[in-house]
PDB file of N, CA and C in Angstrom:
ATOM      1  N   UNK A   1       0.695  -0.806  -0.326  1.00  0.00           N
ATOM      2  CA  UNK A   1      -0.280   0.179  -0.075  1.00  0.00           C
ATOM      3  C   UNK A   1       0.906   1.005   0.178  1.00  0.00           C
ATOM      4  N   UNK A   2       0.469   2.359  -0.695  1.00  0.00           N
ATOM      5  CA  UNK A   2       0.868   3.634  -0.911  1.00  0.00           C
ATOM      6  C   UNK A   2       1.097   4.159   0.757  1.00  0.00           C
ATOM      7  N   UNK A   3       2.420   5.036   0.930  1.00  0.00           N
ATOM      8  CA  UNK A   3       2.597   5.262   1.939  1.00  0.00           C
ATOM      9  C   UNK A   3       1.234   7.228   2.722  1.00  0.00           C
ATOM     10  N   UNK A   4       1.558   7.336   1.241  1.00  0.00           N
ATOM     11  CA  UNK A   4       0.491   8.727   1.695  1.00  0.00           C
ATOM     12  C   UNK A   4      -0.791   8.566   1.641  1.00  0.00           C
ATOM     13  N   UNK A   5      -1.410   7.363   1.301  1.00  0.00           N
ATOM     14  CA  UNK A   5      -3.013   6.427   1.856  1.00  0.00           C
ATOM     15  C   UNK A   5      -2.671   6.025   2.937  1.00  0.00           C
ATOM     16  N   UNK A   6      -1.947   5.550   3.492  1.00  0.00           N
ATOM     17  CA  UNK A   6      -1.678   5.390   4.754  1.00  0.00           C
ATOM     18  C   UNK A   6      -1.912   6.474   5.838  1.00  0.00           C
ATOM     19  N   UNK A   7      -1.256   6.885   5.200  1.00  0.00           N
ATOM     20  CA  UNK A   7      -0.929   8.338   6.328  1.00  0.00           C
ATOM     21  C   UNK A   7      -1.896   9.061   6.203  1.00  0.00           C
ATOM     22  N   UNK A   8      -3.104   9.038   5.370  1.00  0.00           N
ATOM     23  CA  UNK A   8      -4.476   9.699   4.570  1.00  0.00           C
ATOM     24  C   UNK A   8      -5.829   8.949   5.472  1.00  0.00           C
ATOM     25  N   UNK A   9      -5.631   7.152   5.718  1.00  0.00           N
ATOM     26  CA  UNK A   9      -6.129   6.431   6.435  1.00  0.00           C
ATOM     27  C   UNK A   9      -5.926   6.922   7.952  1.00  0.00           C
ATOM     28  N   UNK A  10      -4.545   6.932   8.674  1.00  0.00           N
ATOM     29  CA  UNK A  10      -4.883   7.535   9.574  1.00  0.00           C
ATOM     30  C   UNK A  10      -4.525   8.367  10.095  1.00  0.00           C
ATOM     31  N   UNK A  11      -4.166   9.702   9.553  1.00  0.00           N
ATOM     32  CA  UNK A  11      -4.684  11.319   9.924  1.00  0.00           C
ATOM     33  C   UNK A  11      -6.338  11.130  10.267  1.00  0.00           C
ATOM     34  N   UNK A  12      -6.801  10.237   9.284  1.00  0.00           N
ATOM     35  CA  UNK A  12      -8.948  10.740   9.635  1.00  0.00           C
ATOM     36  C   UNK A  12      -9.271   9.764  10.015  1.00  0.00           C
ATOM     37  N   UNK A  13      -8.609   8.811  10.887  1.00  0.00           N
ATOM     38  CA  UNK A  13      -8.738   7.355  12.489  1.00  0.00           C
ATOM     39  C   UNK A  13      -8.752   8.268  13.228  1.00  0.00           C
ATOM     40  N   UNK A  14      -7.313   9.012  13.132  1.00  0.00           N
ATOM     41  CA  UNK A  14      -7.164  10.299  14.214  1.00  0.00           C
ATOM     42  C   UNK A  14      -7.955  11.250  14.334  1.00  0.00           C
ATOM     43  N   UNK A  15      -8.546  11.975  13.249  1.00  0.00           N
ATOM     44  CA  UNK A  15      -9.464  12.728  13.528  1.00  0.00           C
ATOM     45  C   UNK A  15     -10.857  12.778  14.312  1.00  0.00           C
ATOM     46  N   UNK A  16     -11.143  11.724  13.798  1.00  0.00           N
ATOM     47  CA  UNK A  16     -12.260  10.699  14.076  1.00  0.00           C
ATOM     48  C   UNK A  16     -12.185  10.317  15.723  1.00  0.00           C
ATOM     49  N   UNK A  17     -11.290  10.214  15.946  1.00  0.00           N
ATOM     50  CA  UNK A  17     -11.400   9.278  17.152  1.00  0.00           C
ATOM     51  C   UNK A  17     -10.954  10.898  17.841  1.00  0.00           C
ATOM     52  N   UNK A  18     -10.355  11.693  17.801  1.00  0.00           N
ATOM     53  CA  UNK A  18     -10.616  12.959  18.821  1.00  0.00           C
ATOM     54  C   UNK A  18     -11.870  13.740  18.196  1.00  0.00           C
ATOM     55  N   UNK A  19     -12.393  13.988  17.592  1.00  0.00           N
ATOM     56  CA  UNK A  19     -13.802  14.984  17.324  1.00  0.00           C
ATOM     57  C   UNK A  19     -14.974  13.834  18.528  1.00  0.00           C
ATOM     58  N   UNK A  20     -14.627  12.842  18.714  1.00  0.00           N
ATOM     59  CA  UNK A  20     -15.743  11.142  19.119  1.00  0.00           C
ATOM     60  C   UNK A  20     -14.898  11.961  20.331  1.00  0.00           C
ATOM     61  N   UNK A  21     -14.086  11.793  21.270  1.00  0.00           N
ATOM     62  CA  UNK A  21     -13.397  12.114  22.423  1.00  0.00           C
ATOM     63  C   UNK A  21     -13.616  13.585  22.790  1.00  0.00           C
ATOM     64  N   UNK A  22     -13.388  14.815  21.574  1.00  0.00           N
ATOM     65  CA  UNK A  22     -14.458  16.019  22.184  1.00  0.00           C
ATOM     66  C   UNK A  22     -15.133  16.272  22.290  1.00  0.00           C
ATOM     67  N   UNK A  23     -16.210  15.452  21.589  1.00  0.00           N
ATOM     68  CA  UNK A  23     -17.493  15.592  22.407  1.00  0.00           C
ATOM     69  C   UNK A  23     -17.799  14.994  23.747  1.00  0.00           C
ATOM     70  N   UNK A  24     -17.461  13.716  23.702  1.00  0.00           N
ATOM     71  CA  UNK A  24     -17.702  12.589  24.921  1.00  0.00           C
ATOM     72  C   UNK A  24     -16.803  14.276  26.199  1.00  0.00           C
ATOM     73  N   UNK A  25     -16.229  14.555  25.806  1.00  0.00           N
ATOM     74  CA  UNK A  25     -15.853  15.225  27.325  1.00  0.00           C
ATOM     75  C   UNK A  25     -16.160  17.324  27.092  1.00  0.00           C
ATOM     76  N   UNK A  26     -16.677  17.567  25.801  1.00  0.00           N
ATOM     77  CA  UNK A  26     -17.541  18.415  26.179  1.00  0.00           C
ATOM     78  C   UNK A  26     -19.393  18.686  26.989  1.00  0.00           C
ATOM     79  N   UNK A  27     -19.165  17.087  26.106  1.00  0.00           N
ATOM     80  CA  UNK A  27     -20.180  16.641  27.424  1.00  0.00           C
ATOM     81  C   UNK A  27     -20.878  16.372  28.730  1.00  0.00           C
ATOM     82  N   UNK A  28     -19.376  16.153  28.998  1.00  0.00           N
ATOM     83  CA  UNK A  28     -19.434  15.809  30.662  1.00  0.00           C
ATOM     84  C   UNK A  28     -18.873  17.411  31.212  1.00  0.00           C
ATOM     85  N   UNK A  29     -18.140  17.962  30.535  1.00  0.00           N
ATOM     86  CA  UNK A  29     -18.480  19.425  31.534  1.00  0.00           C
ATOM     87  C   UNK A  29     -19.692  19.609  30.848  1.00  0.00           C
ATOM     88  N   UNK A  30     -20.747  19.843  29.874  1.00  0.00           N
ATOM     89  CA  UNK A  30     -21.856  21.009  29.778  1.00  0.00           C
ATOM     90  C   UNK A  30     -22.700  20.224  30.753  1.00  0.00           C
ATOM     91  N   UNK A  31     -22.602  18.525  31.016  1.00  0.00           N
ATOM     92  CA  UNK A  31     -23.805  18.139  32.343  1.00  0.00           C
ATOM     93  C   UNK A  31     -23.141  18.338  33.826  1.00  0.00           C
ATOM     94  N   UNK A  32     -22.245  19.181  34.091  1.00  0.00           N
ATOM     95  CA  UNK A  32     -21.823  19.633  35.213  1.00  0.00           C
ATOM     96  C   UNK A  32     -22.037  20.908  35.377  1.00  0.00           C
ATOM     97  N   UNK A  33     -21.681  21.773  34.232  1.00  0.00           N
ATOM     98  CA  UNK A  33     -22.276  23.367  34.535  1.00  0.00           C
ATOM     99  C   UNK A  33     -24.312  23.234  34.206  1.00  0.00           C
ATOM    100  N   UNK A  34     -24.668  22.486  34.099  1.00  0.00           N
ATOM    101  CA  UNK A  34     -25.936  22.021  33.624  1.00  0.00           C
ATOM    102  C   UNK A  34     -26.348  21.932  35.774  1.00  0.00           C
ATOM    103  N   UNK A  35     -25.763  20.808  35.809  1.00  0.00           N
ATOM    104  CA  UNK A  35     -25.765  20.717  37.646  1.00  0.00           C
ATOM    105  C   UNK A  35     -25.727  21.804  38.126  1.00  0.00           C
ATOM    106  N   UNK A  36     -24.559  22.441  38.442  1.00  0.00           N
ATOM    107  CA  UNK A  36     -23.970  23.901  38.915  1.00  0.00           C
ATOM    108  C   UNK A  36     -24.821  24.627  38.878  1.00  0.00           C
ATOM    109  N   UNK A  37     -25.471  25.028  37.419  1.00  0.00           N
ATOM    110  CA  UNK A  37     -26.505  26.068  37.430  1.00  0.00           C
ATOM    111  C   UNK A  37     -27.767  25.911  38.312  1.00  0.00           C
ATOM    112  N   UNK A  38     -28.275  24.437  38.371  1.00  0.00           N
ATOM    113  CA  UNK A  38     -29.080  24.227  38.982  1.00  0.00           C
ATOM    114  C   UNK A  38     -29.379  24.491  40.573  1.00  0.00           C
ATOM    115  N   UNK A  39     -28.199  23.389  41.141  1.00  0.00           N
ATOM    116  CA  UNK A  39     -28.026  23.867  42.248  1.00  0.00           C
ATOM    117  C   UNK A  39     -28.293  25.866  42.866  1.00  0.00           C
ATOM    118  N   UNK A  40     -27.283  26.048  41.599  1.00  0.00           N
ATOM    119  CA  UNK A  40     -27.579  27.971  42.149  1.00  0.00           C
ATOM    120  C   UNK A  40     -28.863  28.279  42.229  1.00  0.00           C
ATOM    121  N   UNK A  41     -29.206  27.895  41.535  1.00  0.00           N
ATOM    122  CA  UNK A  41     -31.051  28.576  41.160  1.00  0.00           C
ATOM    123  C   UNK A  41     -31.761  28.380  41.918  1.00  0.00           C
ATOM    124  N   UNK A  42     -31.593  26.462  42.396  1.00  0.00           N
ATOM    125  CA  UNK A  42     -32.429  26.160  44.015  1.00  0.00           C
ATOM    126  C   UNK A  42     -31.962  27.589  44.983  1.00  0.00           C
ATOM    127  N   UNK A  43     -30.203  27.781  45.262  1.00  0.00           N
ATOM    128  CA  UNK A  43     -30.368  28.203  46.114  1.00  0.00           C
ATOM    129  C   UNK A  43     -30.854  29.838  46.541  1.00  0.00           C
ATOM    130  N   UNK A  44     -30.671  30.416  45.258  1.00  0.00           N
ATOM    131  CA  UNK A  44     -31.616  31.587  44.549  1.00  0.00           C
ATOM    132  C   UNK A  44     -33.087  31.768  45.006  1.00  0.00           C
ATOM    133  N   UNK A  45     -33.579  30.639  44.225  1.00  0.00           N
ATOM    134  CA  UNK A  45     -35.025  30.640  45.331  1.00  0.00           C
ATOM    135  C   UNK A  45     -35.018  30.132  46.820  1.00  0.00           C
ATOM    136  N   UNK A  46     -34.744  29.613  47.353  1.00  0.00           N
ATOM    137  CA  UNK A  46     -34.696  29.241  48.928  1.00  0.00           C
ATOM    138  C   UNK A  46     -34.663  30.663  49.474  1.00  0.00           C
ATOM    139  N   UNK A  47     -33.577  31.703  48.898  1.00  0.00           N
ATOM    140  CA  UNK A  47     -32.836  32.792  49.364  1.00  0.00           C
ATOM    141  C   UNK A  47     -33.930  33.626  49.321  1.00  0.00           C
ATOM    142  N   UNK A  48     -35.106  34.046  48.618  1.00  0.00           N
ATOM    143  CA  UNK A  48     -35.558  35.039  47.665  1.00  0.00           C
ATOM    144  C   UNK A  48     -37.269  34.540  48.927  1.00  0.00           C
ATOM    145  N   UNK A  49     -37.534  32.330  48.594  1.00  0.00           N
ATOM    146  CA  UNK A  49     -38.648  32.997  49.451  1.00  0.00           C
ATOM    147  C   UNK A  49     -38.212  33.490  51.031  1.00  0.00           C
ATOM    148  N   UNK A  50     -37.430  32.807  51.733  1.00  0.00           N
ATOM    149  CA  UNK A  50     -36.641  33.487  53.193  1.00  0.00           C
ATOM    150  C   UNK A  50     -37.270  35.064  53.207  1.00  0.00           C
ATOM    151  N   UNK A  51     -36.749  35.752  52.149  1.00  0.00           N
ATOM    152  CA  UNK A  51     -36.531  36.940  51.853  1.00  0.00           C
ATOM    153  C   UNK A  51     -38.163  37.368  52.193  1.00  0.00           C
ATOM    154  N   UNK A  52     -39.111  37.221  51.459  1.00  0.00           N
ATOM    155  CA  UNK A  52     -40.183  37.271  50.894  1.00  0.00           C
ATOM    156  C   UNK A  52     -40.978  36.411  52.156  1.00  0.00           C
ATOM    157  N   UNK A  53     -40.500  36.077  52.998  1.00  0.00           N
ATOM    158  CA  UNK A  53     -41.469  35.578  54.378  1.00  0.00           C
ATOM    159  C   UNK A  53     -41.200  36.226  55.635  1.00  0.00           C
ATOM    160  N   UNK A  54     -39.905  37.230  55.228  1.00  0.00           N
ATOM    161  CA  UNK A  54     -39.567  38.160  55.922  1.00  0.00           C
ATOM    162  C   UNK A  54     -40.252  39.409  55.805  1.00  0.00           C
ATOM    163  N   UNK A  55     -40.097  39.740  54.715  1.00  0.00           N
ATOM    164  CA  UNK A  55     -40.849  41.159  54.680  1.00  0.00           C
ATOM    165  C   UNK A  55     -42.145  40.820  54.685  1.00  0.00           C
ATOM    166  N   UNK A  56     -43.007  40.030  53.919  1.00  0.00           N
ATOM    167  CA  UNK A  56     -44.399  39.705  54.560  1.00  0.00           C
ATOM    168  C   UNK A  56     -44.767  39.719  56.047  1.00  0.00           C
ATOM    169  N   UNK A  57     -44.146  39.023  56.840  1.00  0.00           N
ATOM    170  CA  UNK A  57     -44.144  39.233  58.382  1.00  0.00           C
ATOM    171  C   UNK A  57     -43.974  40.237  58.988  1.00  0.00           C
ATOM    172  N   UNK A  58     -42.807  40.928  58.429  1.00  0.00           N
ATOM    173  CA  UNK A  58     -43.067  42.831  58.829  1.00  0.00           C
ATOM    174  C   UNK A  58     -43.537  43.593  58.273  1.00  0.00           C
ATOM    175  N   UNK A  59     -44.589  42.793  57.329  1.00  0.00           N
ATOM    176  CA  UNK A  59     -45.662  44.627  56.471  1.00  0.00           C
ATOM    177  C   UNK A  59     -46.594  43.592  57.355  1.00  0.00           C
ATOM    178  N   UNK A  60     -46.611  42.493  58.690  1.00  0.00           N
ATOM    179  CA  UNK A  60     -48.085  42.319  58.407  1.00  0.00           C
ATOM    180  C   UNK A  60     -48.106  43.032  60.610  1.00  0.00           C
ATOM    181  N   UNK A  61     -46.585  42.895  60.728  1.00  0.00           N
ATOM    182  CA  UNK A  61     -46.823  43.335  62.282  1.00  0.00           C
ATOM    183  C   UNK A  61     -46.456  44.898  62.003  1.00  0.00           C
ATOM    184  N   UNK A  62     -46.385  45.355  60.891  1.00  0.00           N
ATOM    185  CA  UNK A  62     -46.194  47.459  61.078  1.00  0.00           C
ATOM    186  C   UNK A  62     -47.911  47.678  60.611  1.00  0.00           C
ATOM    187  N   UNK A  63     -48.444  46.453  59.556  1.00  0.00           N
ATOM    188  CA  UNK A  63     -50.665  46.464  60.031  1.00  0.00           C
ATOM    189  C   UNK A  63     -50.807  46.223  60.961  1.00  0.00           C
ATOM    190  N   UNK A  64     -50.270  45.699  62.056  1.00  0.00           N
ATOM    191  CA  UNK A  64     -50.950  45.266  63.047  1.00  0.00           C
ATOM    192  C   UNK A  64     -51.221  46.150  63.683  1.00  0.00           C
ATOM    193  N   UNK A  65     -49.598  47.528  64.011  1.00  0.00           N
ATOM    194  CA  UNK A  65     -49.340  48.115  65.018  1.00  0.00           C
ATOM    195  C   UNK A  65     -49.726  49.067  64.835  1.00  0.00           C
ATOM    196  N   UNK A  66     -50.210  49.709  63.281  1.00  0.00           N
ATOM    197  CA  UNK A  66     -50.775  50.566  62.040  1.00  0.00           C
ATOM    198  C   UNK A  66     -52.805  50.457  63.067  1.00  0.00           C
ATOM    199  N   UNK A  67     -53.150  49.573  62.986  1.00  0.00           N
ATOM    200  CA  UNK A  67     -53.909  48.796  63.891  1.00  0.00           C
ATOM    201  C   UNK A  67     -54.841  49.522  64.638  1.00  0.00           C
ATOM    202  N   UNK A  68     -53.680  49.230  65.905  1.00  0.00           N
ATOM    203  CA  UNK A  68     -53.646  49.521  67.290  1.00  0.00           C
ATOM    204  C   UNK A  68     -53.835  50.517  67.098  1.00  0.00           C
ATOM    205  N   UNK A  69     -52.892  51.604  66.828  1.00  0.00           N
ATOM    206  CA  UNK A  69     -53.029  53.012  67.031  1.00  0.00           C
ATOM    207  C   UNK A  69     -53.973  53.714  66.114  1.00  0.00           C
ATOM    208  N   UNK A  70     -54.770  53.251  65.498  1.00  0.00           N
ATOM    209  CA  UNK A  70     -55.003  53.833  64.340  1.00  0.00           C
ATOM    210  C   UNK A  70     -57.316  53.609  65.744  1.00  0.00           C
ATOM    211  N   UNK A  71     -56.842  52.471  66.097  1.00  0.00           N
ATOM    212  CA  UNK A  71     -57.955  51.657  67.121  1.00  0.00           C
ATOM    213  C   UNK A  71     -57.887  52.591  68.527  1.00  0.00           C
ATOM    214  N   UNK A  72     -57.159  53.322  69.133  1.00  0.00           N
ATOM    215  CA  UNK A  72     -56.497  53.989  69.967  1.00  0.00           C
ATOM    216  C   UNK A  72     -56.424  55.338  70.074  1.00  0.00           C
ATOM    217  N   UNK A  73     -56.894  56.314  68.924  1.00  0.00           N
ATOM    218  CA  UNK A  73     -57.115  57.174  68.525  1.00  0.00           C
ATOM    219  C   UNK A  73     -58.756  57.300  69.208  1.00  0.00           C
TER     220      UNK A  73
END
């Protein structure tokens, strides 16, 4: 077999293997980033819910205080 043809076949095989490995590695990294983003979004949602609950309680307390003040007048 001609050495040029053999070189082309080896080069093409190496390219195909490299592309497959690149896709596998990229897919693993992409999945890891998606998982990290999901965890971060869950953390942000929990913090937002806690803040909303705190604000709601503060506003209820203010409303009760205003009611007591209006009632005493």
